Amino acid sequence: MAYVISDACVSCGSCEGQCPVSAISAGDSQYEIDASTCIDCGSCAGVCPTGAISQG
């Protein structure tokens, strides 16, 4: 199951650079994870300062 980013995202960008498959990109109001690209590694969740990333 892919990771998801909640409304707690503050668009800091910390997660984008940590994704080994480039599944994270800036959305209109917060960052988004492409579920079809996500490999469920959790690298993004480990660096999120607000805890906005979790398994969907």
N, C-alpha and C. Protein backbone atom coordinates (compact mmCIF):
# COMPACT_ATOMS: atom_id res chain seq x y z
N MET A 1 0.85 -1.17 0.00
CA MET A 1 0.00 0.00 0.00
C MET A 1 0.90 1.24 0.00
N ALA A 2 0.62 2.16 -0.88
CA ALA A 2 1.45 3.36 -1.03
C ALA A 2 1.32 4.30 0.17
N TYR A 3 2.35 5.10 0.37
CA TYR A 3 2.31 6.12 1.40
C TYR A 3 1.47 7.29 0.91
N VAL A 4 0.90 8.04 1.85
CA VAL A 4 0.09 9.21 1.52
C VAL A 4 0.53 10.38 2.39
N ILE A 5 0.26 11.58 1.91
CA ILE A 5 0.60 12.79 2.64
C ILE A 5 -0.68 13.47 3.08
N SER A 6 -0.79 13.74 4.37
CA SER A 6 -2.01 14.34 4.93
C SER A 6 -1.97 15.87 4.84
N ASP A 7 -3.03 16.49 5.31
CA ASP A 7 -3.14 17.94 5.33
C ASP A 7 -2.16 18.59 6.29
N ALA A 8 -1.47 17.80 7.09
CA ALA A 8 -0.47 18.33 8.01
C ALA A 8 0.81 18.76 7.27
N CYS A 9 0.88 18.47 5.98
CA CYS A 9 2.04 18.83 5.16
C CYS A 9 2.20 20.35 5.11
N VAL A 10 3.43 20.81 5.35
CA VAL A 10 3.73 22.24 5.31
C VAL A 10 4.56 22.61 4.07
N SER A 11 4.63 21.70 3.13
CA SER A 11 5.34 21.91 1.85
C SER A 11 6.80 22.30 2.03
N CYS A 12 7.48 21.66 2.96
CA CYS A 12 8.89 21.97 3.20
C CYS A 12 9.80 21.34 2.15
N GLY A 13 9.34 20.25 1.53
CA GLY A 13 10.11 19.59 0.49
C GLY A 13 11.10 18.56 0.97
N SER A 14 11.17 18.31 2.26
CA SER A 14 12.13 17.34 2.80
C SER A 14 11.94 15.95 2.21
N CYS A 15 10.73 15.57 1.98
CA CYS A 15 10.42 14.22 1.50
C CYS A 15 10.79 13.99 0.04
N GLU A 16 10.66 15.01 -0.78
CA GLU A 16 10.86 14.85 -2.23
C GLU A 16 12.23 14.30 -2.57
N GLY A 17 13.27 14.83 -1.95
CA GLY A 17 14.62 14.39 -2.23
C GLY A 17 14.96 13.02 -1.68
N GLN A 18 14.18 12.53 -0.73
CA GLN A 18 14.45 11.23 -0.12
C GLN A 18 13.86 10.06 -0.90
N CYS A 19 12.92 10.32 -1.79
CA CYS A 19 12.25 9.24 -2.52
C CYS A 19 13.17 8.67 -3.61
N PRO A 20 13.51 7.38 -3.52
CA PRO A 20 14.43 6.78 -4.49
C PRO A 20 13.81 6.57 -5.87
N VAL A 21 12.49 6.68 -5.99
CA VAL A 21 11.84 6.47 -7.28
C VAL A 21 11.12 7.72 -7.78
N SER A 22 11.38 8.85 -7.16
CA SER A 22 10.80 10.14 -7.56
C SER A 22 9.27 10.12 -7.63
N ALA A 23 8.64 9.50 -6.63
CA ALA A 23 7.18 9.42 -6.59
C ALA A 23 6.54 10.64 -5.95
N ILE A 24 7.34 11.54 -5.40
CA ILE A 24 6.81 12.70 -4.68
C ILE A 24 7.04 13.97 -5.48
N SER A 25 5.98 14.78 -5.59
CA SER A 25 6.09 16.05 -6.30
C SER A 25 5.23 17.09 -5.60
N ALA A 26 5.52 18.35 -5.89
CA ALA A 26 4.76 19.45 -5.30
C ALA A 26 3.39 19.53 -5.96
N GLY A 27 2.36 19.54 -5.14
CA GLY A 27 1.00 19.70 -5.64
C GLY A 27 0.58 21.15 -5.50
N ASP A 28 -0.69 21.43 -5.67
CA ASP A 28 -1.19 22.79 -5.57
C ASP A 28 -1.02 23.38 -4.17
N SER A 29 -1.37 22.61 -3.15
CA SER A 29 -1.31 23.14 -1.79
C SER A 29 -0.36 22.37 -0.87
N GLN A 30 0.09 21.19 -1.31
CA GLN A 30 1.01 20.38 -0.52
C GLN A 30 1.67 19.36 -1.44
N TYR A 31 2.64 18.65 -0.91
CA TYR A 31 3.29 17.61 -1.71
C TYR A 31 2.37 16.41 -1.87
N GLU A 32 2.58 15.66 -2.96
CA GLU A 32 1.74 14.50 -3.27
C GLU A 32 2.62 13.31 -3.63
N ILE A 33 2.11 12.11 -3.35
CA ILE A 33 2.82 10.88 -3.67
C ILE A 33 2.03 10.15 -4.75
N ASP A 34 2.71 9.78 -5.84
CA ASP A 34 2.09 9.01 -6.92
C ASP A 34 2.04 7.55 -6.46
N ALA A 35 0.84 7.08 -6.16
CA ALA A 35 0.67 5.73 -5.61
C ALA A 35 1.16 4.64 -6.57
N SER A 36 1.09 4.87 -7.86
CA SER A 36 1.52 3.85 -8.81
C SER A 36 3.05 3.75 -8.91
N THR A 37 3.75 4.78 -8.44
CA THR A 37 5.21 4.79 -8.48
C THR A 37 5.82 4.42 -7.13
N CYS A 38 5.13 4.72 -6.04
CA CYS A 38 5.61 4.48 -4.68
C CYS A 38 5.94 3.00 -4.47
N ILE A 39 7.12 2.74 -3.87
CA ILE A 39 7.54 1.36 -3.61
C ILE A 39 7.45 1.00 -2.13
N ASP A 40 6.75 1.82 -1.36
CA ASP A 40 6.50 1.54 0.06
C ASP A 40 7.76 1.40 0.91
N CYS A 41 8.78 2.17 0.61
CA CYS A 41 10.03 2.04 1.36
C CYS A 41 10.01 2.82 2.68
N GLY A 42 9.20 3.88 2.75
CA GLY A 42 9.09 4.66 3.97
C GLY A 42 10.16 5.71 4.17
N SER A 43 11.04 5.90 3.21
CA SER A 43 12.10 6.91 3.35
C SER A 43 11.53 8.30 3.58
N CYS A 44 10.45 8.61 2.93
CA CYS A 44 9.82 9.93 3.05
C CYS A 44 9.26 10.16 4.45
N ALA A 45 8.62 9.15 4.99
CA ALA A 45 7.99 9.28 6.31
C ALA A 45 9.03 9.55 7.39
N GLY A 46 10.21 9.01 7.22
CA GLY A 46 11.26 9.18 8.21
C GLY A 46 11.83 10.58 8.30
N VAL A 47 11.67 11.36 7.24
CA VAL A 47 12.24 12.72 7.24
C VAL A 47 11.18 13.81 7.38
N CYS A 48 9.92 13.46 7.40
CA CYS A 48 8.85 14.47 7.49
C CYS A 48 8.81 15.09 8.89
N PRO A 49 9.05 16.41 8.99
CA PRO A 49 9.10 17.05 10.30
C PRO A 49 7.74 17.17 10.98
N THR A 50 6.64 17.04 10.23
CA THR A 50 5.31 17.18 10.83
C THR A 50 4.59 15.85 10.97
N GLY A 51 5.19 14.76 10.53
CA GLY A 51 4.54 13.45 10.61
C GLY A 51 3.36 13.33 9.67
N ALA A 52 3.39 14.06 8.57
CA ALA A 52 2.26 14.10 7.64
C ALA A 52 2.20 12.90 6.70
N ILE A 53 3.24 12.06 6.71
CA ILE A 53 3.30 10.94 5.77
C ILE A 53 3.08 9.62 6.51
N SER A 54 2.16 8.83 5.96
CA SER A 54 1.87 7.52 6.56
C SER A 54 1.43 6.55 5.47
N GLN A 55 1.38 5.28 5.80
CA GLN A 55 0.92 4.30 4.82
C GLN A 55 -0.58 4.45 4.65
N GLY A 56 -1.00 4.48 3.38
CA GLY A 56 -2.42 4.66 3.07
C GLY A 56 -3.14 3.42 3.27
